[in-house]
């Protein structure tokens, strides 16, 4: 059995596509290549520590749902994205909030 493993084992080839790599791993055992794997550093998103509840009228909520659906993301994610984008803008950049 060891001879068979040694015969199969080699180095992990370079792949031209994800599909090619998937085919390779469908027919090979990762345990035969453990010595070639390298540890990676994993970072996770920060824990969100505060929540906010917003209430919208039905028309506004319908528009938000439509826009979020077009982007294929939840409504809350869309609103969160917009708030972060707005907060990242330099102060005074948006003329729509200034009163004449």
PDB file of N, CA and C in Angstrom:
ATOM      1  N   UNK A   1       0.819  -1.197   0.000  1.00  0.00           N
ATOM      2  CA  UNK A   1       0.000   0.000   0.000  1.00  0.00           C
ATOM      3  C   UNK A   1       0.863   1.262   0.000  1.00  0.00           C
ATOM      4  N   UNK A   2       1.996   1.214   0.699  1.00  0.00           N
ATOM      5  CA  UNK A   2       2.891   2.363   0.718  1.00  0.00           C
ATOM      6  C   UNK A   2       3.450   2.629  -0.665  1.00  0.00           C
ATOM      7  N   UNK A   3       3.761   1.581  -1.398  1.00  0.00           N
ATOM      8  CA  UNK A   3       4.292   1.743  -2.754  1.00  0.00           C
ATOM      9  C   UNK A   3       3.267   2.435  -3.642  1.00  0.00           C
ATOM     10  N   UNK A   4       2.004   2.079  -3.473  1.00  0.00           N
ATOM     11  CA  UNK A   4       0.954   2.713  -4.277  1.00  0.00           C
ATOM     12  C   UNK A   4       0.856   4.206  -3.954  1.00  0.00           C
ATOM     13  N   UNK A   5       0.891   4.541  -2.653  1.00  0.00           N
ATOM     14  CA  UNK A   5       0.822   5.947  -2.251  1.00  0.00           C
ATOM     15  C   UNK A   5       1.992   6.730  -2.820  1.00  0.00           C
ATOM     16  N   UNK A   6       3.187   6.137  -2.747  1.00  0.00           N
ATOM     17  CA  UNK A   6       4.363   6.827  -3.261  1.00  0.00           C
ATOM     18  C   UNK A   6       4.266   7.016  -4.773  1.00  0.00           C
ATOM     19  N   UNK A   7       3.647   6.053  -5.453  1.00  0.00           N
ATOM     20  CA  UNK A   7       3.500   6.142  -6.899  1.00  0.00           C
ATOM     21  C   UNK A   7       2.572   7.295  -7.267  1.00  0.00           C
ATOM     22  N   UNK A   8       1.479   7.475  -6.517  1.00  0.00           N
ATOM     23  CA  UNK A   8       0.510   8.540  -6.772  1.00  0.00           C
ATOM     24  C   UNK A   8       1.081   9.898  -6.354  1.00  0.00           C
ATOM     25  N   UNK A   9       1.781   9.867  -5.231  1.00  0.00           N
ATOM     26  CA  UNK A   9       2.249  11.120  -4.649  1.00  0.00           C
ATOM     27  C   UNK A   9       3.308  11.791  -5.500  1.00  0.00           C
ATOM     28  N   UNK A  10       3.210  13.063  -5.593  1.00  0.00           N
ATOM     29  CA  UNK A  10       4.197  13.895  -6.258  1.00  0.00           C
ATOM     30  C   UNK A  10       4.000  15.276  -5.676  1.00  0.00           C
ATOM     31  N   UNK A  11       4.313  16.276  -6.429  1.00  0.00           N
ATOM     32  CA  UNK A  11       4.030  17.603  -5.922  1.00  0.00           C
ATOM     33  C   UNK A  11       2.719  18.083  -6.534  1.00  0.00           C
ATOM     34  N   UNK A  12       2.075  18.981  -5.848  1.00  0.00           N
ATOM     35  CA  UNK A  12       0.805  19.526  -6.338  1.00  0.00           C
ATOM     36  C   UNK A  12       1.116  20.339  -7.596  1.00  0.00           C
ATOM     37  N   UNK A  13       0.445  20.021  -8.709  1.00  0.00           N
ATOM     38  CA  UNK A  13       0.743  20.745  -9.943  1.00  0.00           C
ATOM     39  C   UNK A  13       0.174  22.165  -9.935  1.00  0.00           C
ATOM     40  N   UNK A  14       0.644  22.973 -10.869  1.00  0.00           N
ATOM     41  CA  UNK A  14       0.062  24.297 -11.092  1.00  0.00           C
ATOM     42  C   UNK A  14      -1.196  24.094 -11.929  1.00  0.00           C
ATOM     43  N   UNK A  15      -2.273  24.788 -11.581  1.00  0.00           N
ATOM     44  CA  UNK A  15      -3.528  24.613 -12.287  1.00  0.00           C
ATOM     45  C   UNK A  15      -3.827  25.830 -13.143  1.00  0.00           C
ATOM     46  N   UNK A  16      -4.429  25.596 -14.294  1.00  0.00           N
ATOM     47  CA  UNK A  16      -4.789  26.684 -15.203  1.00  0.00           C
ATOM     48  C   UNK A  16      -6.161  27.263 -14.890  1.00  0.00           C
ATOM     49  N   UNK A  17      -6.970  26.511 -14.139  1.00  0.00           N
ATOM     50  CA  UNK A  17      -8.308  26.986 -13.809  1.00  0.00           C
ATOM     51  C   UNK A  17      -8.787  26.314 -12.529  1.00  0.00           C
ATOM     52  N   UNK A  18      -9.835  26.866 -11.964  1.00  0.00           N
ATOM     53  CA  UNK A  18     -10.441  26.269 -10.771  1.00  0.00           C
ATOM     54  C   UNK A  18     -11.013  24.902 -11.128  1.00  0.00           C
ATOM     55  N   UNK A  19     -11.581  24.808 -12.332  1.00  0.00           N
ATOM     56  CA  UNK A  19     -12.152  23.538 -12.768  1.00  0.00           C
ATOM     57  C   UNK A  19     -11.090  22.441 -12.846  1.00  0.00           C
ATOM     58  N   UNK A  20      -9.918  22.807 -13.370  1.00  0.00           N
ATOM     59  CA  UNK A  20      -8.819  21.847 -13.471  1.00  0.00           C
ATOM     60  C   UNK A  20      -8.374  21.402 -12.080  1.00  0.00           C
ATOM     61  N   UNK A  21      -8.315  22.361 -11.162  1.00  0.00           N
ATOM     62  CA  UNK A  21      -7.932  22.017  -9.789  1.00  0.00           C
ATOM     63  C   UNK A  21      -8.975  21.129  -9.138  1.00  0.00           C
ATOM     64  N   UNK A  22     -10.257  21.438  -9.369  1.00  0.00           N
ATOM     65  CA  UNK A  22     -11.338  20.623  -8.799  1.00  0.00           C
ATOM     66  C   UNK A  22     -11.255  19.186  -9.304  1.00  0.00           C
ATOM     67  N   UNK A  23     -10.992  19.023 -10.593  1.00  0.00           N
ATOM     68  CA  UNK A  23     -10.839  17.678 -11.157  1.00  0.00           C
ATOM     69  C   UNK A  23      -9.692  16.926 -10.487  1.00  0.00           C
ATOM     70  N   UNK A  24      -8.584  17.634 -10.273  1.00  0.00           N
ATOM     71  CA  UNK A  24      -7.426  17.013  -9.636  1.00  0.00           C
ATOM     72  C   UNK A  24      -7.796  16.507  -8.243  1.00  0.00           C
ATOM     73  N   UNK A  25      -8.437  17.372  -7.433  1.00  0.00           N
ATOM     74  CA  UNK A  25      -8.752  16.998  -6.061  1.00  0.00           C
ATOM     75  C   UNK A  25      -9.886  15.989  -5.986  1.00  0.00           C
ATOM     76  N   UNK A  26     -10.684  15.880  -7.046  1.00  0.00           N
ATOM     77  CA  UNK A  26     -11.706  14.832  -7.087  1.00  0.00           C
ATOM     78  C   UNK A  26     -11.078  13.447  -7.202  1.00  0.00           C
ATOM     79  N   UNK A  27      -9.873  13.388  -7.715  1.00  0.00           N
ATOM     80  CA  UNK A  27      -9.217  12.091  -7.944  1.00  0.00           C
ATOM     81  C   UNK A  27      -7.964  11.887  -7.083  1.00  0.00           C
ATOM     82  N   UNK A  28      -7.665  12.835  -6.199  1.00  0.00           N
ATOM     83  CA  UNK A  28      -6.486  12.713  -5.340  1.00  0.00           C
ATOM     84  C   UNK A  28      -6.880  12.963  -3.888  1.00  0.00           C
ATOM     85  N   UNK A  29      -6.097  12.417  -2.980  1.00  0.00           N
ATOM     86  CA  UNK A  29      -6.351  12.561  -1.550  1.00  0.00           C
ATOM     87  C   UNK A  29      -5.420  13.627  -0.978  1.00  0.00           C
ATOM     88  N   UNK A  30      -6.004  14.612  -0.290  1.00  0.00           N
ATOM     89  CA  UNK A  30      -5.190  15.705   0.270  1.00  0.00           C
ATOM     90  C   UNK A  30      -4.167  15.197   1.287  1.00  0.00           C
ATOM     91  N   UNK A  31      -4.453  14.078   1.944  1.00  0.00           N
ATOM     92  CA  UNK A  31      -3.498  13.563   2.928  1.00  0.00           C
ATOM     93  C   UNK A  31      -2.194  13.119   2.283  1.00  0.00           C
ATOM     94  N   UNK A  32      -2.222  12.847   0.984  1.00  0.00           N
ATOM     95  CA  UNK A  32      -0.985  12.492   0.284  1.00  0.00           C
ATOM     96  C   UNK A  32      -0.092  13.707   0.052  1.00  0.00           C
ATOM     97  N   UNK A  33      -0.611  14.893   0.300  1.00  0.00           N
ATOM     98  CA  UNK A  33       0.124  16.130   0.000  1.00  0.00           C
ATOM     99  C   UNK A  33       0.260  17.040   1.225  1.00  0.00           C
ATOM    100  N   UNK A  34       0.015  16.493   2.407  1.00  0.00           N
ATOM    101  CA  UNK A  34       0.037  17.313   3.632  1.00  0.00           C
ATOM    102  C   UNK A  34       1.340  18.074   3.821  1.00  0.00           C
ATOM    103  N   UNK A  35       2.448  17.483   3.437  1.00  0.00           N
ATOM    104  CA  UNK A  35       3.740  18.136   3.633  1.00  0.00           C
ATOM    105  C   UNK A  35       3.916  19.362   2.739  1.00  0.00           C
ATOM    106  N   UNK A  36       3.051  19.530   1.738  1.00  0.00           N
ATOM    107  CA  UNK A  36       3.145  20.691   0.846  1.00  0.00           C
ATOM    108  C   UNK A  36       2.251  21.850   1.272  1.00  0.00           C
ATOM    109  N   UNK A  37       1.336  21.587   2.184  1.00  0.00           N
ATOM    110  CA  UNK A  37       0.431  22.647   2.627  1.00  0.00           C
ATOM    111  C   UNK A  37       1.152  23.599   3.566  1.00  0.00           C
ATOM    112  N   UNK A  38       0.797  24.859   3.493  1.00  0.00           N
ATOM    113  CA  UNK A  38       1.390  25.877   4.352  1.00  0.00           C
ATOM    114  C   UNK A  38       0.283  26.497   5.195  1.00  0.00           C
ATOM    115  N   UNK A  39       0.576  26.792   6.455  1.00  0.00           N
ATOM    116  CA  UNK A  39      -0.445  27.444   7.283  1.00  0.00           C
ATOM    117  C   UNK A  39      -0.745  28.846   6.753  1.00  0.00           C
ATOM    118  N   UNK A  40      -1.971  29.273   6.896  1.00  0.00           N
ATOM    119  CA  UNK A  40      -2.359  30.613   6.478  1.00  0.00           C
ATOM    120  C   UNK A  40      -2.911  31.372   7.674  1.00  0.00           C
ATOM    121  N   UNK A  41      -2.761  32.667   7.609  1.00  0.00           N
ATOM    122  CA  UNK A  41      -3.289  33.514   8.662  1.00  0.00           C
ATOM    123  C   UNK A  41      -4.728  33.881   8.284  1.00  0.00           C
ATOM    124  N   UNK A  42      -5.640  33.656   9.198  1.00  0.00           N
ATOM    125  CA  UNK A  42      -7.050  33.935   8.940  1.00  0.00           C
ATOM    126  C   UNK A  42      -7.477  35.120   9.792  1.00  0.00           C
ATOM    127  N   UNK A  43      -8.144  36.078   9.134  1.00  0.00           N
ATOM    128  CA  UNK A  43      -8.680  37.213   9.883  1.00  0.00           C
ATOM    129  C   UNK A  43     -10.191  37.210   9.714  1.00  0.00           C
ATOM    130  N   UNK A  44     -10.882  37.499  10.789  1.00  0.00           N
ATOM    131  CA  UNK A  44     -12.331  37.540  10.761  1.00  0.00           C
ATOM    132  C   UNK A  44     -12.801  38.977  10.910  1.00  0.00           C
ATOM    133  N   UNK A  45     -13.991  39.236  10.426  1.00  0.00           N
ATOM    134  CA  UNK A  45     -14.563  40.577  10.552  1.00  0.00           C
ATOM    135  C   UNK A  45     -14.713  40.932  12.023  1.00  0.00           C
ATOM    136  N   UNK A  46     -14.645  42.205  12.287  1.00  0.00           N
ATOM    137  CA  UNK A  46     -14.827  42.677  13.656  1.00  0.00           C
ATOM    138  C   UNK A  46     -16.230  42.333  14.124  1.00  0.00           C
ATOM    139  N   UNK A  47     -16.340  42.053  15.409  1.00  0.00           N
ATOM    140  CA  UNK A  47     -17.668  41.826  15.967  1.00  0.00           C
ATOM    141  C   UNK A  47     -18.418  43.148  16.000  1.00  0.00           C
ATOM    142  N   UNK A  48     -19.636  43.120  15.509  1.00  0.00           N
ATOM    143  CA  UNK A  48     -20.459  44.316  15.574  1.00  0.00           C
ATOM    144  C   UNK A  48     -21.002  44.410  16.994  1.00  0.00           C
ATOM    145  N   UNK A  49     -20.833  45.548  17.616  1.00  0.00           N
ATOM    146  CA  UNK A  49     -21.191  45.659  19.023  1.00  0.00           C
ATOM    147  C   UNK A  49     -22.441  46.479  19.278  1.00  0.00           C
ATOM    148  N   UNK A  50     -22.982  47.121  18.268  1.00  0.00           N
ATOM    149  CA  UNK A  50     -24.170  47.938  18.484  1.00  0.00           C
ATOM    150  C   UNK A  50     -25.157  47.716  17.350  1.00  0.00           C
ATOM    151  N   UNK A  51     -26.421  47.729  17.694  1.00  0.00           N
ATOM    152  CA  UNK A  51     -27.464  47.569  16.689  1.00  0.00           C
ATOM    153  C   UNK A  51     -28.280  48.846  16.586  1.00  0.00           C
ATOM    154  N   UNK A  52     -29.020  48.943  15.518  1.00  0.00           N
ATOM    155  CA  UNK A  52     -29.849  50.115  15.275  1.00  0.00           C
ATOM    156  C   UNK A  52     -31.121  49.644  14.582  1.00  0.00           C
ATOM    157  N   UNK A  53     -32.257  50.065  15.096  1.00  0.00           N
ATOM    158  CA  UNK A  53     -33.521  49.719  14.467  1.00  0.00           C
ATOM    159  C   UNK A  53     -34.045  50.952  13.746  1.00  0.00           C
ATOM    160  N   UNK A  54     -34.380  50.771  12.480  1.00  0.00           N
ATOM    161  CA  UNK A  54     -34.926  51.870  11.695  1.00  0.00           C
ATOM    162  C   UNK A  54     -36.324  51.495  11.240  1.00  0.00           C
ATOM    163  N   UNK A  55     -37.193  52.473  11.183  1.00  0.00           N
ATOM    164  CA  UNK A  55     -38.549  52.243  10.686  1.00  0.00           C
ATOM    165  C   UNK A  55     -38.760  53.117   9.457  1.00  0.00           C
ATOM    166  N   UNK A  56     -39.261  52.496   8.389  1.00  0.00           N
ATOM    167  CA  UNK A  56     -39.528  53.204   7.148  1.00  0.00           C
ATOM    168  C   UNK A  56     -40.997  53.061   6.783  1.00  0.00           C
ATOM    169  N   UNK A  57     -41.505  54.043   6.058  1.00  0.00           N
ATOM    170  CA  UNK A  57     -42.867  53.910   5.546  1.00  0.00           C
ATOM    171  C   UNK A  57     -42.851  52.818   4.472  1.00  0.00           C
ATOM    172  N   UNK A  58     -44.040  52.324   4.105  1.00  0.00           N
ATOM    173  CA  UNK A  58     -44.144  51.199   3.174  1.00  0.00           C
ATOM    174  C   UNK A  58     -43.519  51.504   1.807  1.00  0.00           C
ATOM    175  N   UNK A  59     -43.697  52.718   1.321  1.00  0.00           N
ATOM    176  CA  UNK A  59     -43.146  53.077   0.008  1.00  0.00           C
ATOM    177  C   UNK A  59     -41.614  53.045   0.020  1.00  0.00           C
ATOM    178  N   UNK A  60     -41.018  53.627   1.059  1.00  0.00           N
ATOM    179  CA  UNK A  60     -39.556  53.634   1.181  1.00  0.00           C
ATOM    180  C   UNK A  60     -39.025  52.209   1.323  1.00  0.00           C
ATOM    181  N   UNK A  61     -39.709  51.402   2.131  1.00  0.00           N
ATOM    182  CA  UNK A  61     -39.265  50.023   2.336  1.00  0.00           C
ATOM    183  C   UNK A  61     -39.354  49.225   1.036  1.00  0.00           C
ATOM    184  N   UNK A  62     -40.400  49.470   0.264  1.00  0.00           N
ATOM    185  CA  UNK A  62     -40.543  48.779  -1.025  1.00  0.00           C
ATOM    186  C   UNK A  62     -39.399  49.143  -1.971  1.00  0.00           C
ATOM    187  N   UNK A  63     -39.023  50.418  -1.986  1.00  0.00           N
ATOM    188  CA  UNK A  63     -37.907  50.851  -2.833  1.00  0.00           C
ATOM    189  C   UNK A  63     -36.595  50.214  -2.376  1.00  0.00           C
ATOM    190  N   UNK A  64     -36.396  50.181  -1.055  1.00  0.00           N
ATOM    191  CA  UNK A  64     -35.182  49.562  -0.522  1.00  0.00           C
ATOM    192  C   UNK A  64     -35.118  48.081  -0.890  1.00  0.00           C
ATOM    193  N   UNK A  65     -36.252  47.384  -0.762  1.00  0.00           N
ATOM    194  CA  UNK A  65     -36.274  45.958  -1.091  1.00  0.00           C
ATOM    195  C   UNK A  65     -35.972  45.737  -2.568  1.00  0.00           C
ATOM    196  N   UNK A  66     -36.516  46.602  -3.417  1.00  0.00           N
ATOM    197  CA  UNK A  66     -36.277  46.474  -4.852  1.00  0.00           C
ATOM    198  C   UNK A  66     -34.795  46.669  -5.172  1.00  0.00           C
ATOM    199  N   UNK A  67     -34.199  47.739  -4.618  1.00  0.00           N
ATOM    200  CA  UNK A  67     -32.775  48.008  -4.872  1.00  0.00           C
ATOM    201  C   UNK A  67     -31.885  46.898  -4.323  1.00  0.00           C
ATOM    202  N   UNK A  68     -32.208  46.429  -3.117  1.00  0.00           N
ATOM    203  CA  UNK A  68     -31.414  45.347  -2.522  1.00  0.00           C
ATOM    204  C   UNK A  68     -31.554  44.078  -3.349  1.00  0.00           C
ATOM    205  N   UNK A  69     -32.758  43.808  -3.838  1.00  0.00           N
ATOM    206  CA  UNK A  69     -32.980  42.631  -4.672  1.00  0.00           C
ATOM    207  C   UNK A  69     -32.176  42.681  -5.956  1.00  0.00           C
ATOM    208  N   UNK A  70     -32.088  43.875  -6.549  1.00  0.00           N
ATOM    209  CA  UNK A  70     -31.296  44.026  -7.771  1.00  0.00           C
ATOM    210  C   UNK A  70     -29.831  43.726  -7.526  1.00  0.00           C
ATOM    211  N   UNK A  71     -29.360  44.054  -6.313  1.00  0.00           N
ATOM    212  CA  UNK A  71     -27.955  43.794  -5.966  1.00  0.00           C
ATOM    213  C   UNK A  71     -27.765  42.412  -5.340  1.00  0.00           C
ATOM    214  N   UNK A  72     -28.897  41.717  -5.122  1.00  0.00           N
ATOM    215  CA  UNK A  72     -28.879  40.382  -4.514  1.00  0.00           C
ATOM    216  C   UNK A  72     -28.242  40.394  -3.126  1.00  0.00           C
ATOM    217  N   UNK A  73     -28.601  41.393  -2.332  1.00  0.00           N
ATOM    218  CA  UNK A  73     -28.136  41.479  -0.946  1.00  0.00           C
ATOM    219  C   UNK A  73     -29.328  41.813  -0.052  1.00  0.00           C
ATOM    220  N   UNK A  74     -29.242  41.506   1.227  1.00  0.00           N
ATOM    221  CA  UNK A  74     -30.328  41.863   2.141  1.00  0.00           C
ATOM    222  C   UNK A  74     -30.469  43.388   2.263  1.00  0.00           C
ATOM    223  N   UNK A  75     -31.679  43.833   2.593  1.00  0.00           N
ATOM    224  CA  UNK A  75     -31.942  45.271   2.751  1.00  0.00           C
ATOM    225  C   UNK A  75     -31.004  45.865   3.799  1.00  0.00           C
ATOM    226  N   UNK A  76     -30.834  45.191   4.915  1.00  0.00           N
ATOM    227  CA  UNK A  76     -29.975  45.712   5.991  1.00  0.00           C
ATOM    228  C   UNK A  76     -28.537  45.897   5.500  1.00  0.00           C
ATOM    229  N   UNK A  77     -28.059  44.988   4.660  1.00  0.00           N
ATOM    230  CA  UNK A  77     -26.699  45.111   4.129  1.00  0.00           C
ATOM    231  C   UNK A  77     -26.577  46.321   3.215  1.00  0.00           C
ATOM    232  N   UNK A  78     -27.619  46.570   2.416  1.00  0.00           N
ATOM    233  CA  UNK A  78     -27.611  47.730   1.528  1.00  0.00           C
ATOM    234  C   UNK A  78     -27.572  49.030   2.333  1.00  0.00           C
ATOM    235  N   UNK A  79     -28.414  49.129   3.339  1.00  0.00           N
ATOM    236  CA  UNK A  79     -28.443  50.335   4.177  1.00  0.00           C
ATOM    237  C   UNK A  79     -27.120  50.501   4.907  1.00  0.00           C
ATOM    238  N   UNK A  80     -26.583  49.417   5.426  1.00  0.00           N
ATOM    239  CA  UNK A  80     -25.287  49.459   6.117  1.00  0.00           C
ATOM    240  C   UNK A  80     -24.195  49.961   5.179  1.00  0.00           C
ATOM    241  N   UNK A  81     -24.190  49.464   3.937  1.00  0.00           N
ATOM    242  CA  UNK A  81     -23.215  49.899   2.938  1.00  0.00           C
ATOM    243  C   UNK A  81     -23.342  51.388   2.674  1.00  0.00           C
ATOM    244  N   UNK A  82     -24.566  51.862   2.489  1.00  0.00           N
ATOM    245  CA  UNK A  82     -24.783  53.285   2.220  1.00  0.00           C
ATOM    246  C   UNK A  82     -24.317  54.157   3.379  1.00  0.00           C
ATOM    247  N   UNK A  83     -24.593  53.741   4.594  1.00  0.00           N
ATOM    248  CA  UNK A  83     -24.174  54.532   5.758  1.00  0.00           C
ATOM    249  C   UNK A  83     -22.647  54.583   5.821  1.00  0.00           C
ATOM    250  N   UNK A  84     -22.000  53.456   5.615  1.00  0.00           N
ATOM    251  CA  UNK A  84     -20.529  53.447   5.647  1.00  0.00           C
ATOM    252  C   UNK A  84     -19.928  54.303   4.540  1.00  0.00           C
ATOM    253  N   UNK A  85     -20.529  54.241   3.335  1.00  0.00           N
ATOM    254  CA  UNK A  85     -20.038  55.082   2.237  1.00  0.00           C
ATOM    255  C   UNK A  85     -20.180  56.554   2.589  1.00  0.00           C
ATOM    256  N   UNK A  86     -21.320  56.911   3.145  1.00  0.00           N
ATOM    257  CA  UNK A  86     -21.569  58.314   3.493  1.00  0.00           C
ATOM    258  C   UNK A  86     -20.600  58.788   4.578  1.00  0.00           C
ATOM    259  N   UNK A  87     -20.355  57.966   5.563  1.00  0.00           N
ATOM    260  CA  UNK A  87     -19.431  58.338   6.638  1.00  0.00           C
ATOM    261  C   UNK A  87     -17.992  58.438   6.142  1.00  0.00           C
ATOM    262  N   UNK A  88     -17.672  57.740   5.080  1.00  0.00           N
ATOM    263  CA  UNK A  88     -16.311  57.779   4.534  1.00  0.00           C
ATOM    264  C   UNK A  88     -16.073  59.021   3.678  1.00  0.00           C
ATOM    265  N   UNK A  89     -17.143  59.707   3.260  1.00  0.00           N
ATOM    266  CA  UNK A  89     -16.989  60.910   2.445  1.00  0.00           C
ATOM    267  C   UNK A  89     -16.359  62.031   3.268  1.00  0.00           C
ATOM    268  N   UNK A  90     -15.546  62.854   2.618  1.00  0.00           N
ATOM    269  CA  UNK A  90     -14.995  64.011   3.325  1.00  0.00           C
ATOM    270  C   UNK A  90     -16.138  64.931   3.779  1.00  0.00           C
ATOM    271  N   UNK A  91     -15.963  65.574   4.896  1.00  0.00           N
ATOM    272  CA  UNK A  91     -16.984  66.462   5.425  1.00  0.00           C
ATOM    273  C   UNK A  91     -17.303  67.572   4.436  1.00  0.00           C
ATOM    274  N   UNK A  92     -18.581  67.848   4.251  1.00  0.00           N
ATOM    275  CA  UNK A  92     -19.007  68.919   3.361  1.00  0.00           C
ATOM    276  C   UNK A  92     -19.039  68.549   1.905  1.00  0.00           C
ATOM    277  N   UNK A  93     -18.765  67.298   1.575  1.00  0.00           N
ATOM    278  CA  UNK A  93     -18.702  66.869   0.169  1.00  0.00           C
ATOM    279  C   UNK A  93     -20.086  66.826  -0.473  1.00  0.00           C
ATOM    280  N   UNK A  94     -21.094  66.437   0.294  1.00  0.00           N
ATOM    281  CA  UNK A  94     -22.425  66.275  -0.279  1.00  0.00           C
ATOM    282  C   UNK A  94     -23.216  67.563  -0.225  1.00  0.00           C
ATOM    283  N   UNK A  95     -23.539  68.106  -1.386  1.00  0.00           N
ATOM    284  CA  UNK A  95     -24.305  69.357  -1.464  1.00  0.00           C
ATOM    285  C   UNK A  95     -25.765  69.125  -1.138  1.00  0.00           C
ATOM    286  N   UNK A  96     -26.239  67.876  -1.241  1.00  0.00           N
ATOM    287  CA  UNK A  96     -27.648  67.595  -1.009  1.00  0.00           C
ATOM    288  C   UNK A  96     -28.068  67.788   0.441  1.00  0.00           C
ATOM    289  N   UNK A  97     -27.113  67.769   1.383  1.00  0.00           N
ATOM    290  CA  UNK A  97     -27.464  67.934   2.783  1.00  0.00           C
ATOM    291  C   UNK A  97     -27.328  69.396   3.242  1.00  0.00           C
ATOM    292  N   UNK A  98     -26.706  70.231   2.425  1.00  0.00           N
ATOM    293  CA  UNK A  98     -26.529  71.637   2.790  1.00  0.00           C
ATOM    294  C   UNK A  98     -27.813  72.404   2.524  1.00  0.00           C
ATOM    295  N   UNK A  99     -28.154  73.285   3.429  1.00  0.00           N
ATOM    296  CA  UNK A  99     -29.331  74.131   3.246  1.00  0.00           C
ATOM    297  C   UNK A  99     -28.897  75.503   2.783  1.00  0.00           C
ATOM    298  N   UNK A 100     -29.598  76.055   1.796  1.00  0.00           N
ATOM    299  CA  UNK A 100     -29.239  77.361   1.244  1.00  0.00           C
ATOM    300  C   UNK A 100     -29.817  78.460   2.058  1.00  0.00           C
TER     301      UNK A 100
END
